[in-house]
Amino acid sequence: MYPDDPSEQDRDLSPARLRSDGDYDNSLRPRSLTDFIGQRRVCEQLDLVLQGAKGRGSTPDHILLSGPPGLGKTSLAMIIAGEMGSAIRVTSGPALERAGDLAAMLSNLVEGDVLFIDEIHRIARPAEEMLYLAMEDFRVDVVVGKGPGATSIPLDVAPFTLVGATTRSGSLTGPLRDRFGFTAHMEFYETDELVDVLRRSADILEIRMDADAGTEIAGRSRGTPRIANRLLRRVRDYAEVRADGVVTLAIARSALQVYDVDELGFDRLDRAVLNALIRGFGGGPVGVSTLAVAVGEEPATVEEVCEPFLVRAGMVARTPRGRVATAAAWHHLGLTPPAGALTSSFGVRVREDPTESLFDDL
């Protein structure tokens, strides 16, 4: 299309107008605890920690944020730095492979800085052991040389606040976990909280969205704000391309159908796992490796991406003999469950003989 084309003359092509979705992700992050939606208990506790440190004129205790991905741990870390008026240094556990990497980062901190380590449970052991001393005494010992001639040089570190985020708090070693002064466990969001998240995001992104559409998207977001915002952007695309740009209930349902997100929030892979488990293996039990081969994915993908939500939704149960589909999973696929199907992943097995033991099949 040529520059003189009339259809191009009135378009705003400034950099501010041509922001990417990644830029929007940053703009959607709340800037303060009052703007943060959900996690009320965590926010209340965190506010006490920060206000207490401000009153004493000291740095807050080290903070550990644990919970499933997409619930706002990174946003809270940035809020902590913002509330304290401090700079934030961001890294991740897998990036800290050597103790020297961590020592270089710690030595560049200024008093009051926030060091945010995402996926802190994956930090290498040498770096973790160096972190112990830095968290407690604000110093590190750097070893120079090798063998008998090696010497240890102590370096002072400016008082800082470590904020660690983990999706697997059980994978943290005891010594590291005990050095955090405050631990917050973040829970999945309720639908009404996700509606508030979507309403705020729609205002920022200038999306016209009906209330019913927000509720529909929230109900399919698996209790996770990150997924809710992602679905909102995809529904926006559908509304702008195939409709008048307004996100209505009908538009939201049509868009989510195009993107293979059903009414419970299951995507293509989730349904493939359920289909393989029920139609391929009669409802189980079946091992996760066999299930992964049946859907053409890695076992880690099935176990870490699909399975947690399927178990939480009451569709799959984990037993000592393998994964088992519940009666709800059969019904979701439009099939009649066999006699003896589990009522839910947390419930009991429905049996023809009420005297039969629950543990006979385990």
Protein backbone atom coordinates (compact mmCIF):
# COMPACT_ATOMS: atom_id res chain seq x y z
CA MET A 1 0.00 0.00 0.00
CA TYR A 2 1.44 3.35 -1.07
CA PRO A 3 1.98 6.27 1.34
CA ASP A 4 -0.48 8.43 -0.61
CA ASP A 5 -3.25 5.88 -0.20
CA PRO A 6 -6.21 7.77 1.40
CA SER A 7 -6.94 4.83 3.66
CA GLU A 8 -3.51 5.29 5.26
CA GLN A 9 -3.53 9.07 5.67
CA ASP A 10 -5.73 9.19 8.76
CA ARG A 11 -4.14 6.26 10.60
CA ASP A 12 -2.08 6.94 13.69
CA LEU A 13 1.22 5.11 13.14
CA SER A 14 3.07 6.60 16.09
CA PRO A 15 5.08 4.26 18.36
CA ALA A 16 2.56 4.85 21.17
CA ARG A 17 -0.17 3.51 18.91
CA LEU A 18 1.82 0.52 17.68
CA ARG A 19 2.45 -1.07 21.04
CA SER A 20 2.72 -4.85 21.11
CA ASP A 21 0.88 -7.27 23.35
CA GLY A 22 4.04 -7.51 25.45
CA ASP A 23 3.83 -3.78 26.15
CA TYR A 24 0.19 -4.18 27.10
CA ASP A 25 1.16 -6.96 29.53
CA ASN A 26 3.36 -4.47 31.37
CA SER A 27 0.63 -1.82 31.37
CA LEU A 28 -1.87 -4.28 32.83
CA ARG A 29 0.24 -4.90 35.91
CA PRO A 30 -1.11 -3.14 39.02
CA ARG A 31 1.16 -0.47 40.47
CA SER A 32 0.14 -0.65 44.13
CA LEU A 33 -1.48 -2.99 46.62
CA THR A 34 -4.71 -0.99 46.40
CA ASP A 35 -4.83 -1.68 42.64
CA PHE A 36 -4.10 -5.39 43.07
CA ILE A 37 -7.28 -7.42 42.66
CA GLY A 38 -7.78 -10.61 44.66
CA GLN A 39 -5.46 -12.30 47.18
CA ARG A 40 -6.95 -10.11 49.92
CA ARG A 41 -5.36 -11.98 52.80
CA VAL A 42 -1.91 -11.92 51.19
CA CYS A 43 -2.20 -8.21 50.40
CA GLU A 44 -3.25 -7.41 53.95
CA GLN A 45 -0.32 -9.34 55.42
CA LEU A 46 2.11 -7.87 52.92
CA ASP A 47 0.91 -4.35 53.64
CA LEU A 48 1.65 -4.86 57.34
CA VAL A 49 5.17 -6.07 56.54
CA LEU A 50 5.89 -3.08 54.29
CA GLN A 51 4.32 -0.44 56.53
CA GLY A 52 6.19 -1.80 59.54
CA ALA A 53 9.50 -1.59 57.69
CA LYS A 54 8.72 1.95 56.56
CA GLY A 55 7.95 3.00 60.12
CA ARG A 56 11.25 1.60 61.35
CA GLY A 57 13.19 3.03 58.42
CA SER A 58 14.60 -0.41 57.58
CA THR A 59 14.41 -2.85 54.70
CA PRO A 60 11.52 -5.37 54.83
CA ASP A 61 12.20 -8.98 55.69
CA HIS A 62 12.87 -11.36 52.82
CA ILE A 63 9.60 -12.44 51.20
CA LEU A 64 8.66 -15.76 49.57
CA LEU A 65 5.68 -15.85 47.19
CA SER A 66 4.44 -19.34 46.34
CA GLY A 67 1.59 -20.55 44.21
CA PRO A 68 0.65 -21.70 40.70
CA PRO A 69 1.82 -19.66 37.70
CA GLY A 70 -0.15 -16.66 36.49
CA LEU A 71 -1.53 -15.48 39.83
CA GLY A 72 0.53 -12.28 40.15
CA LYS A 73 3.76 -13.16 41.95
CA THR A 74 5.89 -11.04 39.63
CA SER A 75 3.41 -8.17 39.90
CA LEU A 76 3.57 -8.31 43.71
CA ALA A 77 7.38 -8.24 43.59
CA MET A 78 7.25 -5.07 41.51
CA ILE A 79 4.63 -3.61 43.85
CA ILE A 80 6.89 -4.29 46.85
CA ALA A 81 9.69 -2.30 45.22
CA GLY A 82 7.28 0.47 44.27
CA GLU A 83 5.77 0.71 47.76
CA MET A 84 9.25 0.99 49.28
CA GLY A 85 10.45 3.44 46.64
CA SER A 86 13.28 1.10 45.72
CA ALA A 87 14.79 -0.27 42.53
CA ILE A 88 14.16 -3.89 41.61
CA ARG A 89 16.66 -6.30 40.08
CA VAL A 90 15.03 -9.26 38.32
CA THR A 91 16.55 -12.66 37.63
CA SER A 92 15.51 -16.31 37.76
CA GLY A 93 16.71 -19.45 39.49
CA PRO A 94 17.89 -21.26 36.33
CA ALA A 95 19.98 -18.22 35.35
CA LEU A 96 22.03 -18.44 38.55
CA GLU A 97 24.13 -21.49 37.69
CA ARG A 98 27.31 -20.35 39.42
CA ALA A 99 27.99 -18.67 42.72
CA GLY A 100 29.95 -15.97 40.89
CA ASP A 101 26.82 -14.95 38.96
CA LEU A 102 24.97 -14.31 42.19
CA ALA A 103 27.96 -12.58 43.84
CA ALA A 104 28.20 -10.11 40.96
CA MET A 105 24.51 -9.31 41.23
CA LEU A 106 24.58 -8.92 45.01
CA SER A 107 27.65 -6.67 44.97
CA ASN A 108 25.86 -4.20 42.66
CA LEU A 109 22.84 -3.78 44.94
CA VAL A 110 22.17 -0.45 46.60
CA GLU A 111 20.78 -0.25 50.13
CA GLY A 112 17.04 -0.91 50.08
CA ASP A 113 17.02 -2.57 46.65
CA VAL A 114 14.69 -5.49 45.95
CA LEU A 115 16.21 -8.60 44.37
CA PHE A 116 13.52 -10.69 42.71
CA ILE A 117 14.39 -14.32 41.88
CA ASP A 118 11.67 -16.09 39.92
CA GLU A 119 11.47 -19.89 40.12
CA ILE A 120 13.85 -19.73 43.07
CA HIS A 121 13.50 -23.46 43.71
CA ARG A 122 15.60 -24.06 40.56
CA ILE A 123 18.61 -22.10 41.77
CA ALA A 124 21.92 -24.01 41.63
CA ARG A 125 23.24 -25.36 44.92
CA PRO A 126 26.50 -23.29 45.00
CA ALA A 127 24.52 -20.09 44.45
CA GLU A 128 21.94 -21.14 47.04
CA GLU A 129 24.59 -21.70 49.68
CA MET A 130 26.04 -18.26 48.98
CA LEU A 131 22.55 -16.81 49.31
CA TYR A 132 22.25 -18.11 52.88
CA LEU A 133 24.97 -15.79 54.17
CA ALA A 134 23.78 -12.87 52.08
CA MET A 135 20.23 -13.14 53.44
CA GLU A 136 21.30 -13.37 57.08
CA ASP A 137 24.48 -11.30 57.41
CA PHE A 138 24.45 -9.23 54.19
CA ARG A 139 27.82 -10.45 53.06
CA VAL A 140 29.23 -13.07 50.73
CA ASP A 141 32.47 -15.01 50.70
CA VAL A 142 34.10 -15.16 47.28
CA VAL A 143 36.63 -17.95 46.81
CA VAL A 144 39.63 -16.98 44.67
CA GLY A 145 41.92 -19.65 43.26
CA LYS A 146 41.78 -23.43 43.49
CA GLY A 147 43.26 -26.14 45.61
CA PRO A 148 45.50 -25.42 48.62
CA GLY A 149 46.13 -21.86 47.43
CA ALA A 150 42.45 -20.88 47.37
CA THR A 151 41.49 -17.95 49.57
CA SER A 152 38.13 -16.63 50.70
CA ILE A 153 37.50 -12.92 50.36
CA PRO A 154 34.54 -11.54 52.38
CA LEU A 155 32.48 -8.86 50.63
CA ASP A 156 29.85 -6.75 52.34
CA VAL A 157 26.45 -6.50 50.67
CA ALA A 158 24.13 -3.54 51.09
CA PRO A 159 20.98 -4.39 53.07
CA PHE A 160 18.41 -5.60 50.56
CA THR A 161 15.11 -7.47 50.38
CA LEU A 162 15.02 -10.77 48.56
CA VAL A 163 11.68 -11.63 47.00
CA GLY A 164 11.54 -15.22 45.82
CA ALA A 165 8.76 -16.68 43.69
CA THR A 166 8.14 -20.38 43.32
CA THR A 167 5.51 -22.64 41.84
CA ARG A 168 6.86 -25.54 43.90
CA SER A 169 7.39 -24.51 47.47
CA GLY A 170 7.97 -28.14 48.44
CA SER A 171 11.06 -28.21 46.22
CA LEU A 172 12.77 -25.51 48.30
CA THR A 173 15.40 -26.73 50.71
CA GLY A 174 14.65 -26.25 54.40
CA PRO A 175 17.56 -23.85 55.07
CA LEU A 176 16.48 -21.55 52.24
CA ARG A 177 12.79 -21.60 53.13
CA ASP A 178 13.49 -20.82 56.79
CA ARG A 179 15.45 -17.68 55.93
CA PHE A 180 12.39 -15.91 54.55
CA GLY A 181 10.73 -13.66 57.11
CA PHE A 182 7.33 -13.78 55.39
CA THR A 183 5.82 -16.48 53.21
CA ALA A 184 2.65 -15.89 51.19
CA HIS A 185 0.76 -18.64 49.43
CA MET A 186 -1.37 -17.38 46.56
CA GLU A 187 -4.67 -19.10 45.75
CA PHE A 188 -6.61 -19.46 42.53
CA TYR A 189 -9.09 -16.64 41.84
CA GLU A 190 -12.86 -16.83 42.12
CA THR A 191 -14.94 -15.95 39.06
CA ASP A 192 -16.12 -12.60 40.47
CA GLU A 193 -12.49 -11.59 41.14
CA LEU A 194 -11.55 -12.47 37.57
CA VAL A 195 -14.48 -10.38 36.33
CA ASP A 196 -12.97 -7.40 38.16
CA VAL A 197 -9.56 -8.19 36.60
CA LEU A 198 -11.11 -8.32 33.13
CA ARG A 199 -13.06 -5.11 33.67
CA ARG A 200 -9.87 -3.29 34.67
CA SER A 201 -7.93 -4.75 31.72
CA ALA A 202 -10.70 -3.86 29.28
CA ASP A 203 -10.61 -0.25 30.49
CA ILE A 204 -6.83 -0.06 30.04
CA LEU A 205 -6.93 -1.68 26.60
CA GLU A 206 -9.95 0.42 25.60
CA ILE A 207 -12.08 -2.64 24.86
CA ARG A 208 -15.85 -2.27 24.93
CA MET A 209 -17.06 -5.34 26.79
CA ASP A 210 -20.49 -6.29 28.11
CA ALA A 211 -20.79 -7.53 31.68
CA ASP A 212 -22.09 -10.94 30.55
CA ALA A 213 -19.10 -11.35 28.24
CA GLY A 214 -16.72 -10.63 31.12
CA THR A 215 -18.40 -13.29 33.23
CA GLU A 216 -18.18 -15.79 30.37
CA ILE A 217 -14.48 -15.19 29.83
CA ALA A 218 -13.78 -15.30 33.57
CA GLY A 219 -15.55 -18.64 33.89
CA ARG A 220 -13.22 -20.16 31.29
CA SER A 221 -9.98 -18.71 32.69
CA ARG A 222 -9.10 -21.57 35.05
CA GLY A 223 -8.99 -19.23 38.06
CA THR A 224 -5.89 -17.48 36.66
CA PRO A 225 -5.62 -13.75 35.82
CA ARG A 226 -2.89 -14.33 33.24
CA ILE A 227 -5.16 -16.68 31.30
CA ALA A 228 -8.10 -14.28 31.67
CA ASN A 229 -6.09 -11.41 30.15
CA ARG A 230 -4.84 -13.63 27.36
CA LEU A 231 -8.36 -14.77 26.46
CA LEU A 232 -9.56 -11.17 26.58
CA ARG A 233 -7.01 -10.15 23.95
CA ARG A 234 -7.98 -13.05 21.69
CA VAL A 235 -11.67 -12.27 22.04
CA ARG A 236 -10.84 -8.64 21.20
CA ASP A 237 -9.16 -9.82 18.00
CA TYR A 238 -12.24 -11.80 17.03
CA ALA A 239 -14.57 -8.89 17.82
CA GLU A 240 -12.51 -6.44 15.77
CA VAL A 241 -12.10 -8.74 12.75
CA ARG A 242 -15.48 -10.45 12.55
CA ALA A 243 -17.79 -7.99 14.32
CA ASP A 244 -18.03 -4.33 15.25
CA GLY A 245 -15.37 -4.45 17.97
CA VAL A 246 -17.80 -4.76 20.89
CA VAL A 247 -17.25 -7.87 23.04
CA THR A 248 -20.73 -9.26 23.70
CA LEU A 249 -21.71 -12.60 25.21
CA ALA A 250 -22.33 -14.12 21.78
CA ILE A 251 -19.02 -12.77 20.44
CA ALA A 252 -17.12 -14.10 23.47
CA ARG A 253 -18.62 -17.58 23.08
CA SER A 254 -17.93 -17.66 19.33
CA ALA A 255 -14.37 -16.45 19.80
CA LEU A 256 -13.56 -18.94 22.55
CA GLN A 257 -14.98 -21.72 20.38
CA VAL A 258 -12.59 -20.70 17.60
CA TYR A 259 -9.68 -20.82 20.06
CA ASP A 260 -10.75 -24.27 21.37
CA VAL A 261 -11.58 -23.13 24.90
CA ASP A 262 -14.73 -24.84 26.13
CA GLU A 263 -17.16 -23.79 28.85
CA LEU A 264 -14.99 -25.27 31.63
CA GLY A 265 -11.79 -23.71 30.35
CA PHE A 266 -10.42 -26.92 28.83
CA ASP A 267 -8.27 -26.44 25.73
CA ARG A 268 -7.42 -28.87 22.95
CA LEU A 269 -4.75 -30.70 24.95
CA ASP A 270 -6.98 -31.08 28.02
CA ARG A 271 -9.72 -32.66 25.92
CA ALA A 272 -7.18 -34.86 24.13
CA VAL A 273 -6.03 -36.22 27.50
CA LEU A 274 -9.61 -36.91 28.58
CA ASN A 275 -10.44 -38.55 25.25
CA ALA A 276 -7.36 -40.76 25.41
CA LEU A 277 -8.03 -41.69 29.01
CA ILE A 278 -11.69 -42.55 28.45
CA ARG A 279 -12.00 -43.67 24.84
CA GLY A 280 -8.53 -45.15 24.55
CA PHE A 281 -8.11 -46.75 27.95
CA GLY A 282 -11.67 -47.16 29.22
CA GLY A 283 -11.27 -44.55 31.94
CA GLY A 284 -8.05 -45.94 33.37
CA PRO A 285 -6.08 -46.50 35.43
CA VAL A 286 -3.23 -45.64 33.07
CA GLY A 287 0.28 -44.32 33.64
CA VAL A 288 1.16 -40.74 32.73
CA SER A 289 3.87 -41.86 30.29
CA THR A 290 1.41 -44.01 28.36
CA LEU A 291 -1.12 -41.19 28.41
CA ALA A 292 1.48 -38.76 27.08
CA VAL A 293 2.34 -41.07 24.17
CA ALA A 294 -1.35 -41.36 23.31
CA VAL A 295 -1.72 -37.57 22.95
CA GLY A 296 1.70 -36.99 21.36
CA GLU A 297 3.15 -34.91 24.18
CA GLU A 298 5.97 -35.21 26.68
CA PRO A 299 5.06 -36.77 30.04
CA ALA A 300 6.19 -33.57 31.81
CA THR A 301 3.73 -31.53 29.73
CA VAL A 302 0.80 -33.75 30.66
CA GLU A 303 1.82 -33.92 34.32
CA GLU A 304 2.65 -30.24 34.84
CA VAL A 305 0.38 -28.41 32.36
CA CYS A 306 -2.81 -30.45 31.97
CA GLU A 307 -3.10 -32.67 35.00
CA PRO A 308 -3.22 -30.07 37.81
CA PHE A 309 -6.27 -28.36 36.34
CA LEU A 310 -8.00 -31.62 35.40
CA VAL A 311 -7.54 -32.89 38.96
CA ARG A 312 -8.70 -29.59 40.45
CA ALA A 313 -11.75 -29.62 38.16
CA GLY A 314 -12.66 -33.09 39.43
CA MET A 315 -12.12 -34.78 36.04
CA VAL A 316 -9.09 -36.94 36.79
CA ALA A 317 -7.93 -38.76 39.91
CA ARG A 318 -4.36 -39.80 40.66
CA THR A 319 -4.17 -43.29 42.16
CA PRO A 320 -1.20 -45.57 42.93
CA ARG A 321 -2.00 -47.54 39.77
CA GLY A 322 -2.30 -44.54 37.47
CA ARG A 323 -4.70 -41.83 36.31
CA VAL A 324 -8.44 -42.53 36.45
CA ALA A 325 -11.26 -40.57 34.82
CA THR A 326 -14.11 -39.55 37.10
CA ALA A 327 -17.81 -39.69 36.30
CA ALA A 328 -17.73 -35.95 35.62
CA ALA A 329 -15.17 -36.52 32.85
CA TRP A 330 -17.40 -39.10 31.19
CA HIS A 331 -20.36 -36.73 31.35
CA HIS A 332 -18.26 -33.85 29.98
CA LEU A 333 -17.53 -35.90 26.86
CA GLY A 334 -21.21 -36.83 26.52
CA LEU A 335 -20.67 -40.44 27.59
CA THR A 336 -22.31 -42.60 30.25
CA PRO A 337 -19.87 -43.48 33.03
CA PRO A 338 -19.53 -47.17 33.93
CA ALA A 339 -20.71 -48.52 37.23
CA GLY A 340 -18.10 -47.82 39.86
CA ALA A 341 -16.77 -44.60 38.35
CA LEU A 342 -15.34 -42.09 40.79
CA THR A 343 -17.79 -39.34 41.65
CA SER A 344 -14.90 -36.83 41.74
CA SER A 345 -11.16 -36.77 42.11
CA PHE A 346 -11.66 -35.93 45.80
CA GLY A 347 -14.70 -38.08 46.40
CA VAL A 348 -15.45 -41.78 46.83
CA ARG A 349 -16.12 -44.47 44.30
CA VAL A 350 -19.75 -45.30 43.59
CA ARG A 351 -20.15 -49.06 44.01
CA GLU A 352 -22.81 -51.62 43.37
CA ASP A 353 -21.90 -53.28 46.68
CA PRO A 354 -21.83 -50.67 49.47
CA THR A 355 -19.76 -53.03 51.66
CA GLU A 356 -16.93 -53.12 49.10
CA SER A 357 -13.77 -51.40 50.33
CA LEU A 358 -12.68 -48.17 48.73
CA PHE A 359 -9.10 -49.43 48.68
CA ASP A 360 -9.74 -52.71 46.85
CA ASP A 361 -8.62 -51.19 43.53
CA LEU A 362 -5.62 -49.23 44.79
